[in-house]
Amino acid sequence: MLIQITALFLFAAISALAQTNDVAFTNYSIEISNSPAVTFQSQTNPDPSIARRVGQIRADCIQNRRMICGKILKVLPDGLIVDSGYTNLMRDPLDRSWLAPGTVVASQSPNLVESKEPGSICVGLVFLTDYPKSRRSLKPKPYDYVMLEGYPAGQYTYTSIGDVYRTVRRFSVRLPEAVRLNFHADTK
């Protein structure tokens, strides 16, 4: 009987020691001698001004999204240089895929002016990043056509020919990536 009580007591004591009561710190300071206090914030309690700024950037990206339908001029490791403004690509059956072969008959719309409405047709040279990967192992090639909705993500500078650098608008197909790129550009 004494052994059973001792075993029960020992079991209860070990169970009590195994319990942890984690306390979630949202803001706390660590002071190291001869240095100012450093404040850390947890992921669950972000700085309201940062969260507000990210929300504003996201809203701006949604408001300024564009339909990029155009000819691929250059394929770069991190994206595509596209001459956008080919509105006749948005026809059946071409609108079923984001990528059309260069053999498709398409032309730029004459006198097309880019509207400020969300989802309007983008006009001019742009850099498109985060484009989808094709399931059929089709890779975009120069002079193929793309039809994608893109979110503004700052600017992109690339080498056009030789030592000639061009700066164009950058668009991301994924909204979170566009927000991230804009936020990092904002903080620099």
N, C-alpha and C. Protein backbone atom coordinates (compact mmCIF):
# COMPACT_ATOMS: atom_id res chain seq x y z
N MET A 1 0.83 -1.19 0.00
CA MET A 1 0.00 0.00 0.00
C MET A 1 0.87 1.25 0.00
N LEU A 2 1.91 1.24 0.80
CA LEU A 2 2.83 2.38 0.87
C LEU A 2 3.51 2.58 -0.47
N ILE A 3 3.82 1.49 -1.16
CA ILE A 3 4.46 1.59 -2.47
C ILE A 3 3.49 2.20 -3.49
N GLN A 4 2.22 1.82 -3.42
CA GLN A 4 1.23 2.35 -4.34
C GLN A 4 1.02 3.84 -4.11
N ILE A 5 0.98 4.26 -2.86
CA ILE A 5 0.80 5.70 -2.55
C ILE A 5 2.02 6.47 -3.00
N THR A 6 3.21 5.91 -2.77
CA THR A 6 4.44 6.58 -3.19
C THR A 6 4.48 6.68 -4.72
N ALA A 7 4.11 5.61 -5.40
CA ALA A 7 4.09 5.63 -6.86
C ALA A 7 3.09 6.65 -7.38
N LEU A 8 1.90 6.71 -6.75
CA LEU A 8 0.89 7.68 -7.14
C LEU A 8 1.38 9.10 -6.91
N PHE A 9 2.01 9.35 -5.78
CA PHE A 9 2.56 10.67 -5.46
C PHE A 9 3.65 11.04 -6.45
N LEU A 10 4.55 10.09 -6.76
CA LEU A 10 5.62 10.33 -7.70
C LEU A 10 5.06 10.62 -9.10
N PHE A 11 4.04 9.88 -9.52
CA PHE A 11 3.39 10.12 -10.82
C PHE A 11 2.77 11.52 -10.88
N ALA A 12 2.10 11.94 -9.80
CA ALA A 12 1.48 13.27 -9.75
C ALA A 12 2.54 14.35 -9.78
N ALA A 13 3.65 14.12 -9.10
CA ALA A 13 4.72 15.13 -9.07
C ALA A 13 5.36 15.28 -10.44
N ILE A 14 5.60 14.15 -11.12
CA ILE A 14 6.21 14.22 -12.45
C ILE A 14 5.26 14.89 -13.44
N SER A 15 3.96 14.60 -13.33
CA SER A 15 2.98 15.23 -14.21
C SER A 15 2.94 16.73 -13.99
N ALA A 16 3.04 17.15 -12.73
CA ALA A 16 3.02 18.58 -12.42
C ALA A 16 4.27 19.27 -12.96
N LEU A 17 5.40 18.60 -12.90
CA LEU A 17 6.64 19.19 -13.42
C LEU A 17 6.62 19.28 -14.95
N ALA A 18 5.94 18.35 -15.60
CA ALA A 18 5.89 18.34 -17.05
C ALA A 18 5.01 19.44 -17.62
N GLN A 19 4.09 19.98 -16.82
CA GLN A 19 3.22 21.04 -17.30
C GLN A 19 4.01 22.33 -17.42
N THR A 20 3.76 23.03 -18.49
CA THR A 20 4.40 24.34 -18.66
C THR A 20 3.31 25.37 -18.85
N ASN A 21 3.50 26.45 -18.26
CA ASN A 21 2.58 27.57 -18.42
C ASN A 21 3.32 28.66 -19.18
N ASP A 22 3.21 28.61 -20.49
CA ASP A 22 3.88 29.61 -21.30
C ASP A 22 3.12 30.93 -21.20
N VAL A 23 3.88 31.97 -21.01
CA VAL A 23 3.31 33.31 -20.96
C VAL A 23 3.69 33.99 -22.27
N ALA A 24 2.71 34.47 -22.97
CA ALA A 24 2.97 35.13 -24.26
C ALA A 24 3.29 36.59 -24.00
N PHE A 25 4.49 36.98 -24.36
CA PHE A 25 4.90 38.36 -24.25
C PHE A 25 4.69 39.02 -25.60
N THR A 26 3.98 40.10 -25.61
CA THR A 26 3.80 40.81 -26.88
C THR A 26 4.85 41.89 -27.03
N ASN A 27 5.15 42.60 -26.00
CA ASN A 27 6.19 43.62 -26.03
C ASN A 27 7.01 43.47 -24.76
N TYR A 28 8.30 43.31 -24.92
CA TYR A 28 9.14 43.24 -23.75
C TYR A 28 10.51 43.80 -24.11
N SER A 29 11.24 44.22 -23.10
CA SER A 29 12.55 44.82 -23.31
C SER A 29 13.63 43.94 -22.74
N ILE A 30 14.77 43.93 -23.40
CA ILE A 30 15.93 43.24 -22.90
C ILE A 30 17.00 44.30 -22.72
N GLU A 31 17.53 44.39 -21.53
CA GLU A 31 18.57 45.36 -21.27
C GLU A 31 19.89 44.66 -21.08
N ILE A 32 20.88 45.07 -21.82
CA ILE A 32 22.23 44.55 -21.70
C ILE A 32 23.06 45.71 -21.20
N SER A 33 23.97 45.43 -20.29
CA SER A 33 24.74 46.51 -19.69
C SER A 33 25.43 47.34 -20.77
N ASN A 34 25.44 48.64 -20.56
CA ASN A 34 26.06 49.62 -21.45
C ASN A 34 25.42 49.66 -22.84
N SER A 35 24.18 49.24 -22.97
CA SER A 35 23.48 49.35 -24.25
C SER A 35 22.04 49.74 -24.00
N PRO A 36 21.41 50.42 -24.96
CA PRO A 36 20.01 50.81 -24.77
C PRO A 36 19.10 49.59 -24.81
N ALA A 37 17.92 49.74 -24.23
CA ALA A 37 16.94 48.65 -24.21
C ALA A 37 16.43 48.40 -25.64
N VAL A 38 16.26 47.14 -25.98
CA VAL A 38 15.76 46.74 -27.28
C VAL A 38 14.37 46.16 -27.09
N THR A 39 13.41 46.62 -27.90
CA THR A 39 12.05 46.12 -27.78
C THR A 39 11.77 45.16 -28.91
N PHE A 40 11.22 43.99 -28.57
CA PHE A 40 10.85 42.97 -29.54
C PHE A 40 9.34 42.86 -29.57
N GLN A 41 8.80 42.56 -30.74
CA GLN A 41 7.36 42.38 -30.84
C GLN A 41 7.09 41.02 -31.45
N SER A 42 6.06 40.38 -30.92
CA SER A 42 5.70 39.05 -31.43
C SER A 42 4.89 39.19 -32.71
N GLN A 43 4.74 38.07 -33.42
CA GLN A 43 3.96 38.04 -34.64
C GLN A 43 2.48 38.29 -34.38
N THR A 44 2.00 37.99 -33.18
CA THR A 44 0.57 38.12 -32.91
C THR A 44 0.15 39.55 -32.64
N ASN A 45 1.10 40.42 -32.37
CA ASN A 45 0.75 41.79 -32.06
C ASN A 45 1.63 42.74 -32.88
N PRO A 46 1.38 42.85 -34.20
CA PRO A 46 2.21 43.70 -35.03
C PRO A 46 2.00 45.18 -34.72
N ASP A 47 2.97 45.95 -35.09
CA ASP A 47 2.90 47.40 -34.92
C ASP A 47 1.71 47.91 -35.73
N PRO A 48 0.79 48.65 -35.10
CA PRO A 48 -0.40 49.11 -35.83
C PRO A 48 -0.06 49.99 -37.04
N SER A 49 1.00 50.77 -36.95
CA SER A 49 1.34 51.62 -38.09
C SER A 49 1.83 50.79 -39.27
N ILE A 50 2.56 49.70 -39.01
CA ILE A 50 3.01 48.82 -40.09
C ILE A 50 1.82 48.09 -40.70
N ALA A 51 0.94 47.59 -39.85
CA ALA A 51 -0.25 46.89 -40.36
C ALA A 51 -1.12 47.84 -41.17
N ARG A 52 -1.22 49.07 -40.74
CA ARG A 52 -2.00 50.06 -41.48
C ARG A 52 -1.34 50.35 -42.83
N ARG A 53 -0.01 50.46 -42.84
CA ARG A 53 0.71 50.73 -44.09
C ARG A 53 0.58 49.56 -45.07
N VAL A 54 0.70 48.33 -44.56
CA VAL A 54 0.54 47.16 -45.42
C VAL A 54 -0.87 47.11 -45.99
N GLY A 55 -1.86 47.44 -45.19
CA GLY A 55 -3.25 47.49 -45.67
C GLY A 55 -3.43 48.54 -46.74
N GLN A 56 -2.78 49.68 -46.57
CA GLN A 56 -2.88 50.74 -47.57
C GLN A 56 -2.20 50.33 -48.87
N ILE A 57 -1.02 49.69 -48.77
CA ILE A 57 -0.32 49.21 -49.97
C ILE A 57 -1.17 48.18 -50.69
N ARG A 58 -1.80 47.26 -49.94
CA ARG A 58 -2.65 46.23 -50.53
C ARG A 58 -3.83 46.86 -51.27
N ALA A 59 -4.45 47.84 -50.64
CA ALA A 59 -5.59 48.52 -51.27
C ALA A 59 -5.15 49.25 -52.54
N ASP A 60 -3.97 49.88 -52.51
CA ASP A 60 -3.45 50.56 -53.70
C ASP A 60 -3.17 49.56 -54.82
N CYS A 61 -2.61 48.40 -54.46
CA CYS A 61 -2.34 47.37 -55.48
C CYS A 61 -3.63 46.90 -56.13
N ILE A 62 -4.66 46.69 -55.34
CA ILE A 62 -5.94 46.23 -55.88
C ILE A 62 -6.56 47.32 -56.76
N GLN A 63 -6.48 48.55 -56.31
CA GLN A 63 -7.06 49.66 -57.05
C GLN A 63 -6.34 49.90 -58.38
N ASN A 64 -5.04 49.63 -58.42
CA ASN A 64 -4.24 49.92 -59.62
C ASN A 64 -3.88 48.67 -60.42
N ARG A 65 -4.60 47.57 -60.20
CA ARG A 65 -4.31 46.35 -60.96
C ARG A 65 -4.63 46.58 -62.43
N ARG A 66 -3.90 45.87 -63.28
CA ARG A 66 -4.07 46.02 -64.72
C ARG A 66 -4.12 44.65 -65.38
N MET A 67 -4.77 44.61 -66.52
CA MET A 67 -4.80 43.42 -67.35
C MET A 67 -3.64 43.55 -68.33
N ILE A 68 -2.69 42.63 -68.20
CA ILE A 68 -1.51 42.66 -69.06
C ILE A 68 -1.73 41.63 -70.15
N CYS A 69 -1.96 42.13 -71.35
CA CYS A 69 -2.13 41.24 -72.50
C CYS A 69 -1.22 41.77 -73.59
N GLY A 70 -0.16 41.02 -73.84
CA GLY A 70 0.79 41.51 -74.81
C GLY A 70 1.82 40.49 -75.22
N LYS A 71 2.77 40.96 -76.01
CA LYS A 71 3.81 40.14 -76.59
C LYS A 71 5.03 40.13 -75.66
N ILE A 72 5.57 38.93 -75.43
CA ILE A 72 6.79 38.79 -74.63
C ILE A 72 7.96 39.22 -75.50
N LEU A 73 8.71 40.20 -75.03
CA LEU A 73 9.87 40.65 -75.78
C LEU A 73 11.16 40.01 -75.28
N LYS A 74 11.21 39.77 -73.97
CA LYS A 74 12.42 39.22 -73.39
C LYS A 74 12.04 38.33 -72.20
N VAL A 75 12.68 37.16 -72.12
CA VAL A 75 12.49 36.26 -70.99
C VAL A 75 13.72 36.38 -70.10
N LEU A 76 13.52 36.82 -68.87
CA LEU A 76 14.60 36.98 -67.90
C LEU A 76 14.43 35.93 -66.80
N PRO A 77 15.47 35.64 -66.05
CA PRO A 77 15.34 34.63 -64.99
C PRO A 77 14.25 34.92 -63.96
N ASP A 78 14.00 36.19 -63.70
CA ASP A 78 13.01 36.53 -62.67
C ASP A 78 11.72 37.12 -63.21
N GLY A 79 11.52 37.08 -64.54
CA GLY A 79 10.27 37.59 -65.08
C GLY A 79 10.32 37.78 -66.59
N LEU A 80 9.29 38.46 -67.09
CA LEU A 80 9.12 38.66 -68.53
C LEU A 80 9.00 40.15 -68.84
N ILE A 81 9.66 40.58 -69.89
CA ILE A 81 9.44 41.93 -70.41
C ILE A 81 8.33 41.79 -71.46
N VAL A 82 7.23 42.51 -71.25
CA VAL A 82 6.05 42.36 -72.10
C VAL A 82 5.67 43.73 -72.68
N ASP A 83 5.39 43.73 -73.97
CA ASP A 83 4.82 44.91 -74.63
C ASP A 83 3.31 44.73 -74.58
N SER A 84 2.67 45.42 -73.65
CA SER A 84 1.25 45.21 -73.38
C SER A 84 0.38 46.17 -74.18
N GLY A 85 -0.86 45.76 -74.41
CA GLY A 85 -1.82 46.58 -75.13
C GLY A 85 -2.46 45.83 -76.29
N TYR A 86 -2.31 44.54 -76.33
CA TYR A 86 -2.90 43.70 -77.38
C TYR A 86 -4.29 43.25 -76.91
N THR A 87 -5.25 44.10 -77.04
CA THR A 87 -6.59 43.80 -76.52
C THR A 87 -7.29 42.68 -77.27
N ASN A 88 -6.94 42.43 -78.53
CA ASN A 88 -7.62 41.37 -79.28
C ASN A 88 -7.18 39.97 -78.85
N LEU A 89 -6.27 39.88 -77.88
CA LEU A 89 -5.92 38.58 -77.29
C LEU A 89 -7.01 38.09 -76.33
N MET A 90 -7.86 38.99 -75.92
CA MET A 90 -8.90 38.64 -74.94
C MET A 90 -10.15 38.16 -75.66
N ARG A 91 -9.97 37.17 -76.51
CA ARG A 91 -11.08 36.60 -77.26
C ARG A 91 -11.06 35.09 -77.08
N ASP A 92 -12.20 34.49 -77.34
CA ASP A 92 -12.33 33.04 -77.23
C ASP A 92 -11.64 32.42 -78.44
N PRO A 93 -10.89 31.43 -78.36
CA PRO A 93 -10.49 30.55 -77.27
C PRO A 93 -9.20 30.96 -76.57
N LEU A 94 -8.60 32.09 -76.97
CA LEU A 94 -7.32 32.50 -76.38
C LEU A 94 -7.42 32.84 -74.90
N ASP A 95 -8.59 33.27 -74.45
CA ASP A 95 -8.75 33.70 -73.07
C ASP A 95 -8.83 32.53 -72.08
N ARG A 96 -8.69 31.31 -72.56
CA ARG A 96 -8.75 30.14 -71.68
C ARG A 96 -7.40 29.82 -71.03
N SER A 97 -6.34 30.44 -71.52
CA SER A 97 -5.01 30.20 -71.00
C SER A 97 -4.30 31.53 -70.80
N TRP A 98 -3.30 31.55 -69.96
CA TRP A 98 -2.54 32.77 -69.72
C TRP A 98 -1.45 32.96 -70.76
N LEU A 99 -1.14 31.90 -71.51
CA LEU A 99 -0.05 31.93 -72.47
C LEU A 99 -0.55 31.47 -73.84
N ALA A 100 -0.23 32.24 -74.87
CA ALA A 100 -0.60 31.87 -76.24
C ALA A 100 0.67 31.85 -77.08
N PRO A 101 0.74 30.93 -78.03
CA PRO A 101 1.95 30.84 -78.86
C PRO A 101 2.11 32.06 -79.75
N GLY A 102 3.33 32.28 -80.18
CA GLY A 102 3.62 33.42 -81.05
C GLY A 102 2.99 33.32 -82.41
N THR A 103 2.43 32.17 -82.78
CA THR A 103 1.79 32.00 -84.08
C THR A 103 0.39 32.61 -84.13
N VAL A 104 -0.14 33.01 -82.96
CA VAL A 104 -1.46 33.63 -82.91
C VAL A 104 -1.42 34.98 -83.60
N VAL A 105 -2.47 35.30 -84.33
CA VAL A 105 -2.56 36.60 -84.99
C VAL A 105 -3.10 37.60 -83.98
N ALA A 106 -2.29 38.59 -83.65
CA ALA A 106 -2.70 39.62 -82.70
C ALA A 106 -1.97 40.92 -83.04
N SER A 107 -2.59 42.02 -82.70
CA SER A 107 -1.97 43.32 -82.95
C SER A 107 -2.36 44.27 -81.83
N GLN A 108 -1.53 45.30 -81.67
CA GLN A 108 -1.84 46.31 -80.66
C GLN A 108 -3.00 47.17 -81.13
N SER A 109 -3.79 47.59 -80.16
CA SER A 109 -4.92 48.47 -80.49
C SER A 109 -4.39 49.87 -80.76
N PRO A 110 -4.75 50.43 -81.90
CA PRO A 110 -4.28 51.79 -82.20
C PRO A 110 -4.96 52.81 -81.28
N ASN A 111 -4.22 53.79 -80.89
CA ASN A 111 -4.73 54.90 -80.07
C ASN A 111 -5.27 54.46 -78.72
N LEU A 112 -4.81 53.33 -78.19
CA LEU A 112 -5.27 52.85 -76.89
C LEU A 112 -4.61 53.67 -75.78
N VAL A 113 -5.43 54.16 -74.87
CA VAL A 113 -4.94 54.92 -73.72
C VAL A 113 -5.30 54.13 -72.47
N GLU A 114 -4.33 53.99 -71.57
CA GLU A 114 -4.56 53.23 -70.34
C GLU A 114 -5.47 54.00 -69.39
N SER A 115 -6.49 53.34 -68.93
CA SER A 115 -7.45 53.94 -68.01
C SER A 115 -6.94 53.77 -66.58
N LYS A 116 -7.48 54.54 -65.67
CA LYS A 116 -7.12 54.41 -64.26
C LYS A 116 -8.06 53.49 -63.50
N GLU A 117 -8.99 52.88 -64.19
CA GLU A 117 -9.94 51.97 -63.55
C GLU A 117 -9.25 50.65 -63.19
N PRO A 118 -9.63 50.03 -62.06
CA PRO A 118 -9.05 48.73 -61.71
C PRO A 118 -9.38 47.69 -62.78
N GLY A 119 -8.37 46.91 -63.17
CA GLY A 119 -8.56 45.87 -64.16
C GLY A 119 -8.52 46.34 -65.60
N SER A 120 -8.19 47.61 -65.83
CA SER A 120 -8.14 48.09 -67.20
C SER A 120 -6.90 47.54 -67.91
N ILE A 121 -6.88 47.70 -69.23
CA ILE A 121 -5.79 47.18 -70.05
C ILE A 121 -4.53 48.01 -69.82
N CYS A 122 -3.44 47.33 -69.56
CA CYS A 122 -2.14 47.98 -69.39
C CYS A 122 -1.57 48.28 -70.78
N VAL A 123 -0.92 49.42 -70.91
CA VAL A 123 -0.36 49.82 -72.19
C VAL A 123 1.13 50.10 -72.01
N GLY A 124 1.93 49.58 -72.94
CA GLY A 124 3.37 49.86 -72.93
C GLY A 124 4.20 48.72 -72.38
N LEU A 125 5.51 48.98 -72.27
CA LEU A 125 6.44 47.97 -71.77
C LEU A 125 6.29 47.81 -70.26
N VAL A 126 6.23 46.57 -69.82
CA VAL A 126 6.15 46.26 -68.39
C VAL A 126 7.01 45.03 -68.10
N PHE A 127 7.38 44.88 -66.84
CA PHE A 127 8.07 43.68 -66.38
C PHE A 127 7.07 42.89 -65.56
N LEU A 128 6.85 41.64 -65.93
CA LEU A 128 5.87 40.78 -65.26
C LEU A 128 6.60 39.70 -64.49
N THR A 129 6.36 39.63 -63.19
CA THR A 129 7.00 38.64 -62.35
C THR A 129 5.96 37.72 -61.70
N ASP A 130 6.41 36.60 -61.19
CA ASP A 130 5.55 35.62 -60.51
C ASP A 130 4.46 35.07 -61.43
N TYR A 131 4.75 34.97 -62.70
CA TYR A 131 3.76 34.41 -63.63
C TYR A 131 3.60 32.91 -63.34
N PRO A 132 2.45 32.34 -63.68
CA PRO A 132 2.22 30.92 -63.38
C PRO A 132 3.12 30.02 -64.23
N LYS A 133 3.38 28.88 -63.67
CA LYS A 133 4.12 27.87 -64.42
C LYS A 133 3.10 27.00 -65.14
N SER A 134 3.35 26.74 -66.40
CA SER A 134 2.42 25.99 -67.21
C SER A 134 2.44 24.51 -66.85
N ARG A 135 1.28 23.88 -66.82
CA ARG A 135 1.16 22.45 -66.51
C ARG A 135 1.67 21.58 -67.65
N ARG A 136 1.57 22.08 -68.85
CA ARG A 136 1.94 21.29 -70.01
C ARG A 136 3.39 21.48 -70.41
N SER A 137 4.20 21.88 -69.49
CA SER A 137 5.64 22.12 -69.70
C SER A 137 5.90 23.15 -70.80
N LEU A 138 4.92 24.00 -71.07
CA LEU A 138 5.14 25.10 -71.99
C LEU A 138 5.85 26.22 -71.25
N LYS A 139 6.93 26.66 -71.80
CA LYS A 139 7.65 27.76 -71.19
C LYS A 139 7.48 28.98 -72.07
N PRO A 140 7.28 30.14 -71.47
CA PRO A 140 7.14 31.35 -72.29
C PRO A 140 8.43 31.62 -73.06
N LYS A 141 8.26 31.98 -74.31
CA LYS A 141 9.38 32.29 -75.19
C LYS A 141 9.18 33.70 -75.75
N PRO A 142 10.25 34.32 -76.21
CA PRO A 142 10.06 35.61 -76.87
C PRO A 142 9.08 35.49 -78.03
N TYR A 143 8.23 36.48 -78.13
CA TYR A 143 7.18 36.63 -79.15
C TYR A 143 5.94 35.78 -78.90
N ASP A 144 5.91 35.04 -77.76
CA ASP A 144 4.65 34.43 -77.32
C ASP A 144 3.82 35.56 -76.72
N TYR A 145 2.56 35.25 -76.39
CA TYR A 145 1.66 36.26 -75.82
C TYR A 145 1.21 35.83 -74.43
N VAL A 146 1.03 36.82 -73.54
CA VAL A 146 0.50 36.55 -72.20
C VAL A 146 -0.77 37.36 -71.99
N MET A 147 -1.65 36.81 -71.17
CA MET A 147 -2.88 37.49 -70.76
C MET A 147 -3.07 37.22 -69.28
N LEU A 148 -2.67 38.16 -68.43
CA LEU A 148 -2.71 37.99 -66.99
C LEU A 148 -3.08 39.30 -66.31
N GLU A 149 -3.70 39.17 -65.16
CA GLU A 149 -3.95 40.35 -64.33
C GLU A 149 -2.76 40.54 -63.42
N GLY A 150 -2.23 41.76 -63.39
CA GLY A 150 -1.05 42.04 -62.59
C GLY A 150 -1.29 43.17 -61.62
N TYR A 151 -0.57 43.10 -60.50
CA TYR A 151 -0.65 44.13 -59.47
C TYR A 151 0.65 44.94 -59.49
N PRO A 152 0.57 46.27 -59.42
CA PRO A 152 1.77 47.08 -59.50
C PRO A 152 2.74 46.76 -58.37
N ALA A 153 4.03 46.65 -58.73
CA ALA A 153 5.04 46.28 -57.75
C ALA A 153 6.30 47.11 -57.93
N GLY A 154 6.14 48.38 -58.20
CA GLY A 154 7.29 49.27 -58.32
C GLY A 154 7.82 49.33 -59.74
N GLN A 155 9.14 49.45 -59.82
CA GLN A 155 9.80 49.56 -61.12
C GLN A 155 10.89 48.51 -61.24
N TYR A 156 11.30 48.26 -62.47
CA TYR A 156 12.34 47.28 -62.74
C TYR A 156 13.26 47.84 -63.81
N THR A 157 14.56 47.72 -63.60
CA THR A 157 15.55 48.18 -64.57
C THR A 157 16.25 46.96 -65.14
N TYR A 158 16.35 46.92 -66.45
CA TYR A 158 17.01 45.80 -67.11
C TYR A 158 17.87 46.32 -68.25
N THR A 159 18.75 45.46 -68.74
CA THR A 159 19.61 45.80 -69.87
C THR A 159 18.86 45.48 -71.14
N SER A 160 18.60 46.49 -71.93
CA SER A 160 17.84 46.30 -73.16
C SER A 160 18.75 45.73 -74.26
N ILE A 161 19.69 46.50 -74.70
CA ILE A 161 20.65 46.08 -75.72
C ILE A 161 22.01 46.64 -75.33
N GLY A 162 22.99 45.77 -75.26
CA GLY A 162 24.34 46.23 -74.90
C GLY A 162 24.37 46.84 -73.52
N ASP A 163 24.74 48.11 -73.46
CA ASP A 163 24.82 48.83 -72.19
C ASP A 163 23.63 49.76 -71.97
N VAL A 164 22.56 49.59 -72.73
CA VAL A 164 21.38 50.44 -72.61
C VAL A 164 20.47 49.88 -71.52
N TYR A 165 20.21 50.69 -70.49
CA TYR A 165 19.33 50.28 -69.40
C TYR A 165 17.97 50.93 -69.57
N ARG A 166 16.94 50.15 -69.32
CA ARG A 166 15.57 50.67 -69.39
C ARG A 166 14.90 50.41 -68.06
N THR A 167 14.10 51.35 -67.62
CA THR A 167 13.31 51.19 -66.41
C THR A 167 11.84 51.16 -66.81
N VAL A 168 11.16 50.09 -66.39
CA VAL A 168 9.75 49.91 -66.73
C VAL A 168 8.96 49.61 -65.47
N ARG A 169 7.65 49.70 -65.58
CA ARG A 169 6.78 49.35 -64.46
C ARG A 169 6.84 47.85 -64.22
N ARG A 170 6.89 47.46 -62.95
CA ARG A 170 6.89 46.04 -62.60
C ARG A 170 5.52 45.67 -62.08
N PHE A 171 5.03 44.51 -62.53
CA PHE A 171 3.76 43.97 -62.08
C PHE A 171 3.99 42.55 -61.58
N SER A 172 3.28 42.19 -60.54
CA SER A 172 3.32 40.82 -60.02
C SER A 172 1.94 40.21 -60.22
N VAL A 173 1.91 38.96 -60.59
CA VAL A 173 0.65 38.26 -60.78
C VAL A 173 0.03 37.93 -59.42
N ARG A 174 0.86 37.82 -58.39
CA ARG A 174 0.37 37.47 -57.05
C ARG A 174 0.31 38.73 -56.17
N LEU A 175 -0.86 38.97 -55.59
CA LEU A 175 -1.06 40.15 -54.75
C LEU A 175 -0.13 40.19 -53.54
N PRO A 176 0.05 39.10 -52.78
CA PRO A 176 0.95 39.18 -51.63
C PRO A 176 2.38 39.55 -52.01
N GLU A 177 2.83 39.07 -53.15
CA GLU A 177 4.19 39.41 -53.60
C GLU A 177 4.28 40.88 -54.00
N ALA A 178 3.25 41.41 -54.62
CA ALA A 178 3.23 42.83 -54.97
C ALA A 178 3.26 43.69 -53.72
N VAL A 179 2.50 43.30 -52.70
CA VAL A 179 2.50 44.04 -51.44
C VAL A 179 3.88 43.99 -50.80
N ARG A 180 4.50 42.82 -50.81
CA ARG A 180 5.84 42.66 -50.21
C ARG A 180 6.86 43.53 -50.94
N LEU A 181 6.85 43.51 -52.26
CA LEU A 181 7.80 44.31 -53.03
C LEU A 181 7.61 45.80 -52.79
N ASN A 182 6.36 46.25 -52.78
CA ASN A 182 6.08 47.66 -52.52
C ASN A 182 6.47 48.08 -51.11
N PHE A 183 6.21 47.20 -50.14
CA PHE A 183 6.55 47.52 -48.75
C PHE A 183 8.06 47.64 -48.58
N HIS A 184 8.82 46.73 -49.19
CA HIS A 184 10.29 46.81 -49.10
C HIS A 184 10.81 48.02 -49.83
N ALA A 185 10.21 48.40 -50.94
CA ALA A 185 10.63 49.60 -51.65
C ALA A 185 10.32 50.84 -50.82
N ASP A 186 9.22 50.79 -50.08
CA ASP A 186 8.82 51.91 -49.21
C ASP A 186 9.78 52.11 -48.05
N THR A 187 10.29 51.02 -47.50
CA THR A 187 11.14 51.12 -46.32
C THR A 187 12.56 51.52 -46.65
N LYS A 188 12.94 51.47 -47.95
CA LYS A 188 14.32 51.84 -48.32
C LYS A 188 14.47 53.32 -48.43
